[in-house]
């Protein structure tokens, strides 16, 4: 089961821990659009998650997104967009790169 630490961190991030039982493949590159949407809903970005669905962002697309894509391409409010990129998209990209290079 997906375990979510809903206590907001001082920096505004919400801890999301992936496990094999969360209904999503462990590698974000294998996520379907709804996996991405559900990831952000679970992370506390219910409203913003819809933008990923509208733009058909799957796991591979998510891993290719730049900061500018998240801040402007999804037409999100700046505050949530910054948090989504810094605390979720960027760490997922970093983790994926580490796993794929080992």
N, C-alpha and C. Protein backbone atom coordinates (compact mmCIF):
# COMPACT_ATOMS: atom_id res chain seq x y z
N UNK A 1 0.85 -1.19 0.00
CA UNK A 1 0.00 0.00 0.00
C UNK A 1 0.88 1.24 0.00
N UNK A 2 0.46 2.26 -0.67
CA UNK A 2 1.22 3.52 -0.71
C UNK A 2 1.15 4.18 0.64
N UNK A 3 2.30 4.53 1.16
CA UNK A 3 2.31 5.19 2.45
C UNK A 3 2.65 6.65 2.25
N UNK A 4 1.83 7.52 2.77
CA UNK A 4 2.02 8.95 2.58
C UNK A 4 2.13 9.62 3.93
N UNK A 5 3.19 10.38 4.10
CA UNK A 5 3.37 11.18 5.31
C UNK A 5 2.69 12.51 5.01
N UNK A 6 1.46 12.67 5.49
CA UNK A 6 0.69 13.86 5.15
C UNK A 6 1.09 15.09 5.97
N UNK A 7 2.01 14.92 6.88
CA UNK A 7 2.49 16.07 7.63
C UNK A 7 3.35 16.91 6.69
N UNK A 8 2.92 18.12 6.41
CA UNK A 8 3.68 18.97 5.51
C UNK A 8 5.02 19.30 6.12
N UNK A 9 6.04 19.19 5.32
CA UNK A 9 7.36 19.58 5.74
C UNK A 9 7.42 21.11 5.75
N UNK A 10 8.42 21.64 6.41
CA UNK A 10 8.56 23.10 6.49
C UNK A 10 8.65 23.72 5.10
N UNK A 11 9.24 22.98 4.15
CA UNK A 11 9.42 23.50 2.80
C UNK A 11 8.19 23.28 1.93
N UNK A 12 7.15 22.69 2.48
CA UNK A 12 5.91 22.51 1.72
C UNK A 12 5.79 21.18 1.03
N UNK A 13 6.82 20.33 1.15
CA UNK A 13 6.73 19.04 0.48
C UNK A 13 5.97 18.05 1.35
N UNK A 14 5.46 17.04 0.72
CA UNK A 14 4.77 15.97 1.42
C UNK A 14 5.53 14.70 1.07
N UNK A 15 5.89 13.92 2.08
CA UNK A 15 6.65 12.71 1.83
C UNK A 15 5.79 11.64 1.20
N UNK A 16 6.21 11.11 0.08
CA UNK A 16 5.50 10.02 -0.58
C UNK A 16 6.50 8.88 -0.72
N UNK A 17 6.16 7.75 -0.14
CA UNK A 17 7.04 6.59 -0.21
C UNK A 17 6.41 5.55 -1.12
N UNK A 18 7.13 5.18 -2.16
CA UNK A 18 6.62 4.16 -3.08
C UNK A 18 6.96 2.78 -2.56
N UNK A 19 6.06 1.87 -2.74
CA UNK A 19 6.33 0.47 -2.44
C UNK A 19 5.80 -0.36 -3.59
N UNK A 20 6.12 -1.61 -3.61
CA UNK A 20 5.68 -2.48 -4.69
C UNK A 20 4.17 -2.68 -4.68
N UNK A 21 3.51 -2.40 -3.58
CA UNK A 21 2.08 -2.66 -3.46
C UNK A 21 1.21 -1.44 -3.74
N UNK A 22 1.77 -0.37 -4.27
CA UNK A 22 1.01 0.86 -4.44
C UNK A 22 0.19 0.90 -5.72
N UNK A 23 0.22 -0.18 -6.50
CA UNK A 23 -0.57 -0.21 -7.73
C UNK A 23 0.15 0.39 -8.92
N UNK A 24 1.32 0.95 -8.70
CA UNK A 24 2.12 1.52 -9.79
C UNK A 24 3.42 0.74 -9.91
N UNK A 25 3.95 0.62 -11.11
CA UNK A 25 5.29 0.05 -11.24
C UNK A 25 6.29 0.92 -10.46
N UNK A 26 7.33 0.31 -9.89
CA UNK A 26 8.29 1.10 -9.11
C UNK A 26 9.07 2.11 -9.94
N UNK A 27 9.28 1.83 -11.22
CA UNK A 27 10.01 2.76 -12.09
C UNK A 27 9.02 3.73 -12.74
N UNK A 28 9.16 5.03 -12.48
CA UNK A 28 8.23 6.00 -13.08
C UNK A 28 8.18 5.94 -14.60
N UNK A 29 9.23 5.47 -15.25
CA UNK A 29 9.22 5.37 -16.71
C UNK A 29 8.13 4.42 -17.20
N UNK A 30 7.68 3.53 -16.32
CA UNK A 30 6.65 2.55 -16.69
C UNK A 30 5.24 3.00 -16.30
N UNK A 31 5.11 4.20 -15.73
CA UNK A 31 3.80 4.68 -15.28
C UNK A 31 2.93 5.09 -16.46
N UNK A 32 1.66 4.76 -16.38
CA UNK A 32 0.65 5.26 -17.32
C UNK A 32 0.21 6.64 -16.85
N UNK A 33 -0.57 7.33 -17.65
CA UNK A 33 -1.06 8.66 -17.28
C UNK A 33 -1.75 8.63 -15.92
N UNK A 34 -2.60 7.64 -15.69
CA UNK A 34 -3.34 7.59 -14.43
C UNK A 34 -2.43 7.30 -13.24
N UNK A 35 -1.32 6.62 -13.45
CA UNK A 35 -0.35 6.42 -12.38
C UNK A 35 0.25 7.76 -11.96
N UNK A 36 0.57 8.58 -12.95
CA UNK A 36 1.11 9.92 -12.67
C UNK A 36 0.07 10.76 -11.93
N UNK A 37 -1.15 10.75 -12.44
CA UNK A 37 -2.25 11.51 -11.82
C UNK A 37 -2.44 11.06 -10.37
N UNK A 38 -2.50 9.76 -10.14
CA UNK A 38 -2.71 9.25 -8.78
C UNK A 38 -1.53 9.55 -7.87
N UNK A 39 -0.33 9.55 -8.41
CA UNK A 39 0.85 9.91 -7.61
C UNK A 39 0.68 11.33 -7.05
N UNK A 40 0.31 12.27 -7.92
CA UNK A 40 0.18 13.66 -7.46
C UNK A 40 -1.05 13.86 -6.58
N UNK A 41 -2.11 13.13 -6.84
CA UNK A 41 -3.28 13.21 -5.94
C UNK A 41 -2.90 12.73 -4.54
N UNK A 42 -2.19 11.62 -4.48
CA UNK A 42 -1.77 11.06 -3.19
C UNK A 42 -0.79 11.99 -2.48
N UNK A 43 0.00 12.73 -3.25
CA UNK A 43 0.98 13.66 -2.69
C UNK A 43 0.33 14.95 -2.20
N UNK A 44 -0.99 15.10 -2.40
CA UNK A 44 -1.68 16.28 -1.91
C UNK A 44 -1.94 17.34 -2.95
N UNK A 45 -1.73 17.00 -4.22
CA UNK A 45 -1.95 17.97 -5.31
C UNK A 45 -3.16 17.54 -6.14
N UNK A 46 -4.29 17.39 -5.47
CA UNK A 46 -5.52 16.91 -6.11
C UNK A 46 -5.89 17.75 -7.34
N UNK A 47 -5.96 19.06 -7.15
CA UNK A 47 -6.37 19.95 -8.24
C UNK A 47 -5.35 19.95 -9.38
N UNK A 48 -4.07 19.99 -9.02
CA UNK A 48 -3.01 20.07 -10.02
C UNK A 48 -2.85 18.75 -10.78
N UNK A 49 -3.22 17.65 -10.16
CA UNK A 49 -3.08 16.34 -10.81
C UNK A 49 -3.88 16.28 -12.11
N UNK A 50 -4.99 17.00 -12.15
CA UNK A 50 -5.82 17.00 -13.36
C UNK A 50 -5.07 17.54 -14.57
N UNK A 51 -4.15 18.47 -14.34
CA UNK A 51 -3.37 19.04 -15.45
C UNK A 51 -2.51 17.97 -16.12
N UNK A 52 -2.00 17.03 -15.31
CA UNK A 52 -1.19 15.95 -15.88
C UNK A 52 -2.05 15.04 -16.74
N UNK A 53 -3.30 14.85 -16.33
CA UNK A 53 -4.22 14.03 -17.11
C UNK A 53 -4.61 14.76 -18.40
N UNK A 54 -4.94 16.04 -18.28
CA UNK A 54 -5.34 16.82 -19.46
C UNK A 54 -4.23 16.87 -20.50
N UNK A 55 -2.98 16.95 -20.05
CA UNK A 55 -1.84 17.02 -20.96
C UNK A 55 -1.28 15.64 -21.32
N UNK A 56 -1.94 14.58 -20.82
CA UNK A 56 -1.56 13.20 -21.12
C UNK A 56 -0.09 12.92 -20.77
N UNK A 57 0.30 13.32 -19.55
CA UNK A 57 1.66 13.11 -19.08
C UNK A 57 1.76 11.72 -18.45
N UNK A 58 2.47 10.83 -19.12
CA UNK A 58 2.74 9.51 -18.54
C UNK A 58 4.11 9.55 -17.87
N UNK A 59 4.56 8.40 -17.40
CA UNK A 59 5.84 8.36 -16.68
C UNK A 59 7.03 8.81 -17.51
N UNK A 60 7.09 8.36 -18.75
CA UNK A 60 8.21 8.76 -19.61
C UNK A 60 8.20 10.27 -19.84
N UNK A 61 7.01 10.83 -20.06
CA UNK A 61 6.90 12.29 -20.26
C UNK A 61 7.29 13.03 -18.99
N UNK A 62 6.84 12.51 -17.85
CA UNK A 62 7.15 13.13 -16.56
C UNK A 62 8.66 13.22 -16.36
N UNK A 63 9.36 12.15 -16.70
CA UNK A 63 10.80 12.12 -16.51
C UNK A 63 11.54 13.04 -17.47
N UNK A 64 10.89 13.45 -18.55
CA UNK A 64 11.50 14.37 -19.51
C UNK A 64 11.19 15.84 -19.22
N UNK A 65 10.28 16.09 -18.30
CA UNK A 65 9.84 17.46 -18.05
C UNK A 65 10.95 18.33 -17.46
N UNK A 66 11.01 19.55 -17.94
CA UNK A 66 11.93 20.54 -17.39
C UNK A 66 11.18 21.38 -16.37
N UNK A 67 11.94 22.18 -15.64
CA UNK A 67 11.32 23.10 -14.68
C UNK A 67 10.33 24.02 -15.40
N UNK A 68 10.74 24.51 -16.57
CA UNK A 68 9.89 25.41 -17.34
C UNK A 68 8.61 24.72 -17.81
N UNK A 69 8.70 23.46 -18.17
CA UNK A 69 7.50 22.70 -18.57
C UNK A 69 6.48 22.69 -17.44
N UNK A 70 6.96 22.42 -16.23
CA UNK A 70 6.05 22.33 -15.09
C UNK A 70 5.50 23.71 -14.73
N UNK A 71 6.36 24.73 -14.76
CA UNK A 71 5.94 26.07 -14.34
C UNK A 71 5.01 26.75 -15.35
N UNK A 72 5.21 26.49 -16.64
CA UNK A 72 4.39 27.20 -17.63
C UNK A 72 3.53 26.28 -18.49
N UNK A 73 4.05 25.10 -18.84
CA UNK A 73 3.33 24.21 -19.75
C UNK A 73 2.06 23.62 -19.19
N UNK A 74 2.01 23.45 -17.88
CA UNK A 74 0.82 22.85 -17.28
C UNK A 74 -0.21 23.88 -16.82
N UNK A 75 0.15 25.15 -16.92
CA UNK A 75 -0.74 26.25 -16.53
C UNK A 75 -1.22 26.12 -15.09
N UNK A 76 -0.27 25.83 -14.20
CA UNK A 76 -0.56 25.72 -12.77
C UNK A 76 -0.19 27.02 -12.08
N UNK A 77 -0.75 27.23 -10.89
CA UNK A 77 -0.33 28.35 -10.07
C UNK A 77 1.13 28.14 -9.71
N UNK A 78 1.86 29.24 -9.58
CA UNK A 78 3.31 29.18 -9.39
C UNK A 78 3.72 28.40 -8.14
N UNK A 79 3.07 28.64 -7.02
CA UNK A 79 3.45 27.98 -5.77
C UNK A 79 3.40 26.46 -5.87
N UNK A 80 2.23 25.91 -6.21
CA UNK A 80 2.15 24.45 -6.35
C UNK A 80 3.08 23.91 -7.44
N UNK A 81 3.23 24.65 -8.53
CA UNK A 81 4.10 24.19 -9.63
C UNK A 81 5.55 24.06 -9.17
N UNK A 82 6.02 25.04 -8.39
CA UNK A 82 7.39 24.97 -7.87
C UNK A 82 7.57 23.76 -6.96
N UNK A 83 6.60 23.53 -6.08
CA UNK A 83 6.68 22.38 -5.17
C UNK A 83 6.63 21.06 -5.94
N UNK A 84 5.77 20.98 -6.93
CA UNK A 84 5.66 19.76 -7.73
C UNK A 84 6.99 19.47 -8.41
N UNK A 85 7.61 20.48 -8.98
CA UNK A 85 8.88 20.24 -9.67
C UNK A 85 10.00 19.91 -8.69
N UNK A 86 10.19 20.77 -7.70
CA UNK A 86 11.34 20.61 -6.79
C UNK A 86 11.25 19.39 -5.90
N UNK A 87 10.05 19.06 -5.42
CA UNK A 87 9.92 17.99 -4.43
C UNK A 87 9.41 16.68 -4.99
N UNK A 88 9.03 16.67 -6.25
CA UNK A 88 8.49 15.44 -6.83
C UNK A 88 9.11 15.11 -8.18
N UNK A 89 8.98 15.99 -9.17
CA UNK A 89 9.49 15.68 -10.51
C UNK A 89 11.01 15.51 -10.49
N UNK A 90 11.71 16.48 -9.96
CA UNK A 90 13.18 16.42 -9.94
C UNK A 90 13.70 15.21 -9.17
N UNK A 91 13.18 14.92 -7.96
CA UNK A 91 13.65 13.71 -7.27
C UNK A 91 13.33 12.41 -8.02
N UNK A 92 12.17 12.34 -8.67
CA UNK A 92 11.85 11.15 -9.46
C UNK A 92 12.83 10.99 -10.62
N UNK A 93 13.19 12.11 -11.26
CA UNK A 93 14.15 12.07 -12.36
C UNK A 93 15.52 11.60 -11.85
N UNK A 94 15.95 12.15 -10.73
CA UNK A 94 17.25 11.80 -10.16
C UNK A 94 17.29 10.32 -9.79
N UNK A 95 16.23 9.85 -9.14
CA UNK A 95 16.15 8.45 -8.72
C UNK A 95 16.17 7.53 -9.95
N UNK A 96 15.44 7.91 -10.99
CA UNK A 96 15.37 7.11 -12.21
C UNK A 96 16.76 7.04 -12.86
N UNK A 97 17.45 8.17 -12.93
CA UNK A 97 18.78 8.19 -13.55
C UNK A 97 19.76 7.31 -12.77
N UNK A 98 19.69 7.38 -11.43
CA UNK A 98 20.57 6.55 -10.60
C UNK A 98 20.30 5.07 -10.83
N UNK A 99 19.00 4.71 -10.87
CA UNK A 99 18.63 3.30 -11.04
C UNK A 99 18.97 2.78 -12.43
N UNK A 100 18.84 3.63 -13.44
CA UNK A 100 19.09 3.17 -14.80
C UNK A 100 20.58 3.11 -15.12
N UNK A 101 21.40 3.82 -14.34
CA UNK A 101 22.84 3.80 -14.61
C UNK A 101 23.55 2.73 -13.80
N UNK A 102 22.83 2.09 -12.86
CA UNK A 102 23.49 1.05 -12.06
C UNK A 102 23.21 -0.34 -12.54
